[in-house]
Every structure is written in C-alpha cells, then in structure tokens.
Amino acid sequence: MKNILVLCTGNSCRSQMAEGFLNQYIKGEYAVFSAGIETHGLNQMAVKAMKEVEIDISHHRSNHVDEFAHVVFDYVITVCDHARENCPYFLAKKSNLHHNFPDPALAKGTHGERMNAFRSCRNEIDAYCKNFSEEINKN
C-alpha cells in the first residue's frame, strides 16, 4: 500500500479536511494519514463544513506526527507554513509538497462569519486535493 501524510500545526482543521478529500478522490489507492506537530483536537466547525459537502470526518482524531515516525510515505504534504518550518523531516519516497492554506480556526466574527472562513478554506483544500489526486493518478 502507498501512503500519504498531510501535516498541519494542530491536526484539527486543514489537515483533517485534506485527509477527507484525499480519501474521497484517491478511493483506496493510498492510505491517507493526517497529523500535527501538536494535537488540538478535531475542530467541530471543520466537521460541519465537510458534512456540507457530504464528507464525514467526525470519526477522525487529532494525531501527533510522532505516531507515524515508522511509516514510509510516498507523499508528505504540509498545509501550513508553521508545520513545514517546525515539523520533523519526513523524506517522502516520491515528493514532499507544500501549500499554505489560511487557518480558519483563527477567523474572528460571528458564528456565520467564522463558518464562512471554514467553507472558504475547505473549498481551497478541495481544489488542491482534486488536482493532486488527478496528477498522481496519471502516473
């Protein structure tokens, strides 16, 4: 089995959403894991945003990157600058990738405004994951 790791700071929002989308687009060709350099718990606004597009991540848990030190990854994707700069180095067999998505958990304002930040981030992650999965499926 081939493996993908998605890394973020707290493994609560962005990496969780990316794991959900990758599992949908890759459909069992890869085992997809997500982790953080810290664990902040699963953000319920991320769960709600994903449920709106019919992807259930409510069963996910916040994982620390050290849990996967023994796994060989084909791809490692960092989804925030902080994780890329502070994470233990994983040498992916094929590629280490990076895209800095804005952290929706930092959004201020009303509940609706904060939810919109999660939706916007979710949509960016969706587009990225769809493109990534199309690229790796070509190879």
Foldseek 3Di string as FASTA:
>chain_A
DAEEEEEEAAQAALQLLLQQLLCVLQVPPYNYYYAHCHHDWHDVLNQVLVVVVPGGSVPPTHHHPVVCPPPAHQEYEYAAPVCVVPPDDHDHVHYYYYHHQDDLVPDDDDPVRSSVSSNVSSVVSNVVSNVVSVVVVVD
